[in-house]
Structures are given as C-alpha cells and as structure tokens.
C-alpha cells in the first residue's frame, strides 16, 4: 500500500497558513476546522508545518500566551515529508522515528496533501480487516471435494 492510496480515500482538502500571519489566526482556523496541523506555505512553497506540539511548546515558553507571535516563530521549518509513491511501511517507520503525527505529501515542490498518523493506522487496520474477511470467506466457501480428499485415508 502506498501514500497515494490513503490520499485517494481521504480526499484533498488542505488547510494552510502563511508564516507571517499571527499565530492566533492560525489557531482559530485549527480550532474551527478541528484539525491538528496546518501546512505553512510561502510563495507556493512548503516552508513549515504547524502542529499542536509546536504551539504547546511556544505557549509554555511564553508563559501561557501566544501574544503577537507569528506562525514562523512556532512552526517546524524542516518537516518530514514523503511522496505519493512512498510505501506505507516506510511512512510508519519515518513517523515513529521522528515522533511525527502529520506528514506533508509532496510531488517535487507541489503539495499533494497531508497524512496523519491516524490516517496511516486506519489504512493498516482497514487492510487487515479486508484480508481477514477474504480469509473467512475462503474458509467458509471451502470446496467440498477438497474436504473429502483431506478426510480420506491415504494408502
């Protein structure tokens, strides 16, 4: 399974922020849309990722306030990325290694989407459930002649 399979199911709605916009505006968008991350874009290029992790670290550093901080101050300016062709096993390894919960999906310099750890886990569970259903259907529809051959003694 590849990242493109997740994006196909997930859809293509993306929420972005500008690095020079007030952090409070970005947080309002995250709360309004009930999302945990924003892709930070500048002049059409990915320049960072803003997640609740970066926001919490900044709020603690600022004594409980975002004040007049801009997104650029809080964002991760070197986010982990993948492509639509990246295998799911590789994505899981990368996300676990870097403790990343969100990963922008790129095609060269074009942003194709964002996948979350939740999306990856859901894809794995859905794939396993499908495989289990296929195996159960195969067992339930076991050919009768194969059963009788298996039951008969061999000489």
C-alpha atoms as a PDB file:
ATOM      1  CA  UNK A   1       0.000   0.000   0.000  1.00  0.00           C
ATOM      2  CA  UNK A   2       1.251   3.480  -0.883  1.00  0.00           C
ATOM      3  CA  UNK A   3       0.562   7.015   0.336  1.00  0.00           C
ATOM      4  CA  UNK A   4      -1.489   7.636  -2.831  1.00  0.00           C
ATOM      5  CA  UNK A   5      -3.974   5.008  -1.591  1.00  0.00           C
ATOM      6  CA  UNK A   6      -4.521   6.978   1.631  1.00  0.00           C
ATOM      7  CA  UNK A   7      -4.917  10.292  -0.206  1.00  0.00           C
ATOM      8  CA  UNK A   8      -7.456   8.757  -2.601  1.00  0.00           C
ATOM      9  CA  UNK A   9      -9.684   7.726   0.312  1.00  0.00           C
ATOM     10  CA  UNK A  10      -9.022  10.779   2.460  1.00  0.00           C
ATOM     11  CA  UNK A  11      -9.788  13.451  -0.113  1.00  0.00           C
ATOM     12  CA  UNK A  12      -7.894  16.594  -0.953  1.00  0.00           C
ATOM     13  CA  UNK A  13      -8.972  19.316   1.480  1.00  0.00           C
ATOM     14  CA  UNK A  14      -5.901  21.208   2.684  1.00  0.00           C
ATOM     15  CA  UNK A  15      -5.604  23.945   5.268  1.00  0.00           C
ATOM     16  CA  UNK A  16      -2.608  26.235   5.120  1.00  0.00           C
ATOM     17  CA  UNK A  17      -1.120  29.188   6.926  1.00  0.00           C
ATOM     18  CA  UNK A  18       1.278  31.929   5.927  1.00  0.00           C
ATOM     19  CA  UNK A  19       4.461  32.129   8.032  1.00  0.00           C
ATOM     20  CA  UNK A  20       3.930  35.841   8.751  1.00  0.00           C
ATOM     21  CA  UNK A  21       0.297  35.637   9.880  1.00  0.00           C
ATOM     22  CA  UNK A  22      -0.493  35.912  13.587  1.00  0.00           C
ATOM     23  CA  UNK A  23      -0.313  32.580  15.397  1.00  0.00           C
ATOM     24  CA  UNK A  24      -3.695  33.349  16.967  1.00  0.00           C
ATOM     25  CA  UNK A  25      -5.328  33.378  13.500  1.00  0.00           C
ATOM     26  CA  UNK A  26      -3.796  30.014  12.647  1.00  0.00           C
ATOM     27  CA  UNK A  27      -5.006  28.583  15.971  1.00  0.00           C
ATOM     28  CA  UNK A  28      -8.521  29.880  15.321  1.00  0.00           C
ATOM     29  CA  UNK A  29      -8.539  28.048  11.961  1.00  0.00           C
ATOM     30  CA  UNK A  30      -7.258  24.848  13.587  1.00  0.00           C
ATOM     31  CA  UNK A  31      -9.980  25.045  16.256  1.00  0.00           C
ATOM     32  CA  UNK A  32     -12.727  25.941  13.763  1.00  0.00           C
ATOM     33  CA  UNK A  33     -11.856  23.044  11.440  1.00  0.00           C
ATOM     34  CA  UNK A  34     -10.994  20.655  14.307  1.00  0.00           C
ATOM     35  CA  UNK A  35      -7.564  19.865  12.832  1.00  0.00           C
ATOM     36  CA  UNK A  36      -4.211  19.258  14.473  1.00  0.00           C
ATOM     37  CA  UNK A  37      -1.947  20.770  11.856  1.00  0.00           C
ATOM     38  CA  UNK A  38      -1.542  23.432   9.202  1.00  0.00           C
ATOM     39  CA  UNK A  39       0.857  23.348   6.299  1.00  0.00           C
ATOM     40  CA  UNK A  40       2.821  26.586   6.188  1.00  0.00           C
ATOM     41  CA  UNK A  41       3.199  27.886   2.628  1.00  0.00           C
ATOM     42  CA  UNK A  42       5.068  30.916   1.311  1.00  0.00           C
ATOM     43  CA  UNK A  43       5.089  31.917  -2.367  1.00  0.00           C
ATOM     44  CA  UNK A  44       3.680  28.486  -3.277  1.00  0.00           C
ATOM     45  CA  UNK A  45       6.406  26.568  -1.437  1.00  0.00           C
ATOM     46  CA  UNK A  46       6.188  24.425   1.692  1.00  0.00           C
ATOM     47  CA  UNK A  47       8.203  26.226   4.381  1.00  0.00           C
ATOM     48  CA  UNK A  48       6.971  24.510   7.512  1.00  0.00           C
ATOM     49  CA  UNK A  49       4.381  22.641   9.499  1.00  0.00           C
ATOM     50  CA  UNK A  50       2.425  23.970  12.442  1.00  0.00           C
ATOM     51  CA  UNK A  51       1.045  21.329  14.775  1.00  0.00           C
ATOM     52  CA  UNK A  52      -0.372  21.397  18.279  1.00  0.00           C
ATOM     53  CA  UNK A  53       3.064  20.189  19.508  1.00  0.00           C
ATOM     54  CA  UNK A  54       4.828  23.342  18.295  1.00  0.00           C
ATOM     55  CA  UNK A  55       2.017  25.521  19.624  1.00  0.00           C
ATOM     56  CA  UNK A  56       2.177  23.959  23.102  1.00  0.00           C
ATOM     57  CA  UNK A  57       5.956  24.365  23.233  1.00  0.00           C
ATOM     58  CA  UNK A  58       5.658  28.043  22.287  1.00  0.00           C
ATOM     59  CA  UNK A  59       2.828  28.727  24.752  1.00  0.00           C
ATOM     60  CA  UNK A  60       4.849  27.181  27.601  1.00  0.00           C
ATOM     61  CA  UNK A  61       7.942  29.169  26.567  1.00  0.00           C
ATOM     62  CA  UNK A  62       5.846  32.391  26.528  1.00  0.00           C
ATOM     63  CA  UNK A  63       4.342  31.783  29.948  1.00  0.00           C
ATOM     64  CA  UNK A  64       0.922  30.675  28.709  1.00  0.00           C
ATOM     65  CA  UNK A  65       0.312  33.160  25.906  1.00  0.00           C
ATOM     66  CA  UNK A  66       0.757  33.366  22.141  1.00  0.00           C
ATOM     67  CA  UNK A  67       0.807  37.159  22.294  1.00  0.00           C
ATOM     68  CA  UNK A  68       1.749  38.749  18.970  1.00  0.00           C
ATOM     69  CA  UNK A  69       3.766  35.740  17.817  1.00  0.00           C
ATOM     70  CA  UNK A  70       3.650  34.887  14.117  1.00  0.00           C
ATOM     71  CA  UNK A  71       3.387  31.360  12.701  1.00  0.00           C
ATOM     72  CA  UNK A  72       7.046  31.399  11.573  1.00  0.00           C
ATOM     73  CA  UNK A  73       8.196  31.589  15.210  1.00  0.00           C
ATOM     74  CA  UNK A  74       6.320  28.447  16.235  1.00  0.00           C
ATOM     75  CA  UNK A  75       6.395  26.257  13.098  1.00  0.00           C
ATOM     76  CA  UNK A  76       8.665  23.310  12.367  1.00  0.00           C
ATOM     77  CA  UNK A  77      10.732  24.674   9.489  1.00  0.00           C
ATOM     78  CA  UNK A  78      12.089  21.263   8.471  1.00  0.00           C
ATOM     79  CA  UNK A  79       9.039  18.975   8.402  1.00  0.00           C
ATOM     80  CA  UNK A  80       9.265  15.342   7.485  1.00  0.00           C
ATOM     81  CA  UNK A  81       7.774  14.762   4.003  1.00  0.00           C
ATOM     82  CA  UNK A  82       7.004  11.843   1.714  1.00  0.00           C
ATOM     83  CA  UNK A  83       5.734  11.313  -1.839  1.00  0.00           C
ATOM     84  CA  UNK A  84       2.597   9.660  -3.158  1.00  0.00           C
ATOM     85  CA  UNK A  85       4.761   6.656  -4.092  1.00  0.00           C
ATOM     86  CA  UNK A  86       6.190   6.112  -0.601  1.00  0.00           C
ATOM     87  CA  UNK A  87       5.232   2.717   0.783  1.00  0.00           C
ATOM     88  CA  UNK A  88       3.104   2.721   3.935  1.00  0.00           C
ATOM     89  CA  UNK A  89       5.651   0.659   5.886  1.00  0.00           C
ATOM     90  CA  UNK A  90       8.270   3.341   5.186  1.00  0.00           C
ATOM     91  CA  UNK A  91       5.875   6.115   6.266  1.00  0.00           C
ATOM     92  CA  UNK A  92       5.180   4.311   9.545  1.00  0.00           C
ATOM     93  CA  UNK A  93       8.893   3.896  10.191  1.00  0.00           C
ATOM     94  CA  UNK A  94       9.613   7.560   9.403  1.00  0.00           C
ATOM     95  CA  UNK A  95       6.763   8.864  11.555  1.00  0.00           C
ATOM     96  CA  UNK A  96       7.698   6.662  14.515  1.00  0.00           C
ATOM     97  CA  UNK A  97      11.384   7.590  14.241  1.00  0.00           C
ATOM     98  CA  UNK A  98      10.695  11.347  14.260  1.00  0.00           C
ATOM     99  CA  UNK A  99       7.583  11.219  16.504  1.00  0.00           C
ATOM    100  CA  UNK A 100       5.733  12.945  13.654  1.00  0.00           C
ATOM    101  CA  UNK A 101       1.956  12.944  13.753  1.00  0.00           C
ATOM    102  CA  UNK A 102       1.495  14.748  10.425  1.00  0.00           C
ATOM    103  CA  UNK A 103       3.391  14.473   7.170  1.00  0.00           C
ATOM    104  CA  UNK A 104       3.057  16.620   4.049  1.00  0.00           C
ATOM    105  CA  UNK A 105       2.928  14.620   0.826  1.00  0.00           C
ATOM    106  CA  UNK A 106       4.958  16.226  -1.953  1.00  0.00           C
ATOM    107  CA  UNK A 107       5.367  15.729  -5.690  1.00  0.00           C
ATOM    108  CA  UNK A 108       8.616  17.585  -6.261  1.00  0.00           C
ATOM    109  CA  UNK A 109       7.706  21.051  -4.943  1.00  0.00           C
ATOM    110  CA  UNK A 110       3.920  20.607  -5.206  1.00  0.00           C
ATOM    111  CA  UNK A 111       1.946  19.846  -2.052  1.00  0.00           C
ATOM    112  CA  UNK A 112      -0.374  16.893  -2.728  1.00  0.00           C
ATOM    113  CA  UNK A 113      -1.869  16.531   0.740  1.00  0.00           C
ATOM    114  CA  UNK A 114      -1.128  15.786   4.374  1.00  0.00           C
ATOM    115  CA  UNK A 115      -1.426  12.417   6.049  1.00  0.00           C
ATOM    116  CA  UNK A 116      -1.671  11.894   9.773  1.00  0.00           C
ATOM    117  CA  UNK A 117      -0.600   9.032  11.965  1.00  0.00           C
ATOM    118  CA  UNK A 118      -4.328   8.352  12.362  1.00  0.00           C
ATOM    119  CA  UNK A 119      -4.700   8.038   8.555  1.00  0.00           C
ATOM    120  CA  UNK A 120      -1.816   5.555   8.438  1.00  0.00           C
ATOM    121  CA  UNK A 121      -3.174   3.495  11.345  1.00  0.00           C
ATOM    122  CA  UNK A 122      -6.672   3.466   9.814  1.00  0.00           C
ATOM    123  CA  UNK A 123      -5.295   2.286   6.449  1.00  0.00           C
ATOM    124  CA  UNK A 124      -3.417  -0.564   8.143  1.00  0.00           C
ATOM    125  CA  UNK A 125      -6.477  -1.643  10.170  1.00  0.00           C
ATOM    126  CA  UNK A 126      -8.763  -1.418   7.110  1.00  0.00           C
ATOM    127  CA  UNK A 127      -6.311  -3.502   5.090  1.00  0.00           C
ATOM    128  CA  UNK A 128      -6.092  -6.142   7.827  1.00  0.00           C
ATOM    129  CA  UNK A 129      -9.891  -6.238   8.173  1.00  0.00           C
ATOM    130  CA  UNK A 130     -10.267  -6.744   4.421  1.00  0.00           C
ATOM    131  CA  UNK A 131      -7.686  -9.545   4.456  1.00  0.00           C
ATOM    132  CA  UNK A 132      -9.464 -11.207   7.405  1.00  0.00           C
ATOM    133  CA  UNK A 133     -12.822 -11.021   5.576  1.00  0.00           C
ATOM    134  CA  UNK A 134     -11.262 -12.614   2.483  1.00  0.00           C
ATOM    135  CA  UNK A 135      -9.723 -15.412   4.531  1.00  0.00           C
ATOM    136  CA  UNK A 136     -13.005 -16.073   6.357  1.00  0.00           C
ATOM    137  CA  UNK A 137     -14.908 -16.126   3.062  1.00  0.00           C
ATOM    138  CA  UNK A 138     -12.335 -18.542   1.623  1.00  0.00           C
ATOM    139  CA  UNK A 139     -12.660 -20.866   4.619  1.00  0.00           C
ATOM    140  CA  UNK A 140     -16.467 -20.668   4.587  1.00  0.00           C
ATOM    141  CA  UNK A 141     -16.544 -21.492   0.838  1.00  0.00           C
ATOM    142  CA  UNK A 142     -14.023 -24.340   1.080  1.00  0.00           C
ATOM    143  CA  UNK A 143     -14.612 -26.747  -1.823  1.00  0.00           C
ATOM    144  CA  UNK A 144     -16.443 -29.956  -0.760  1.00  0.00           C
ATOM    145  CA  UNK A 145     -14.139 -32.257  -2.763  1.00  0.00           C
ATOM    146  CA  UNK A 146     -11.087 -30.812  -1.049  1.00  0.00           C
ATOM    147  CA  UNK A 147     -12.648 -31.637   2.339  1.00  0.00           C
ATOM    148  CA  UNK A 148     -13.463 -35.222   1.327  1.00  0.00           C
ATOM    149  CA  UNK A 149      -9.946 -35.748  -0.065  1.00  0.00           C
ATOM    150  CA  UNK A 150      -8.456 -34.389   3.150  1.00  0.00           C
ATOM    151  CA  UNK A 151     -10.669 -36.717   5.250  1.00  0.00           C
ATOM    152  CA  UNK A 152      -9.971 -39.896   3.249  1.00  0.00           C
ATOM    153  CA  UNK A 153      -7.059 -42.075   4.389  1.00  0.00           C
ATOM    154  CA  UNK A 154      -4.025 -42.165   2.126  1.00  0.00           C
ATOM    155  CA  UNK A 155      -2.668 -45.517   1.044  1.00  0.00           C
END
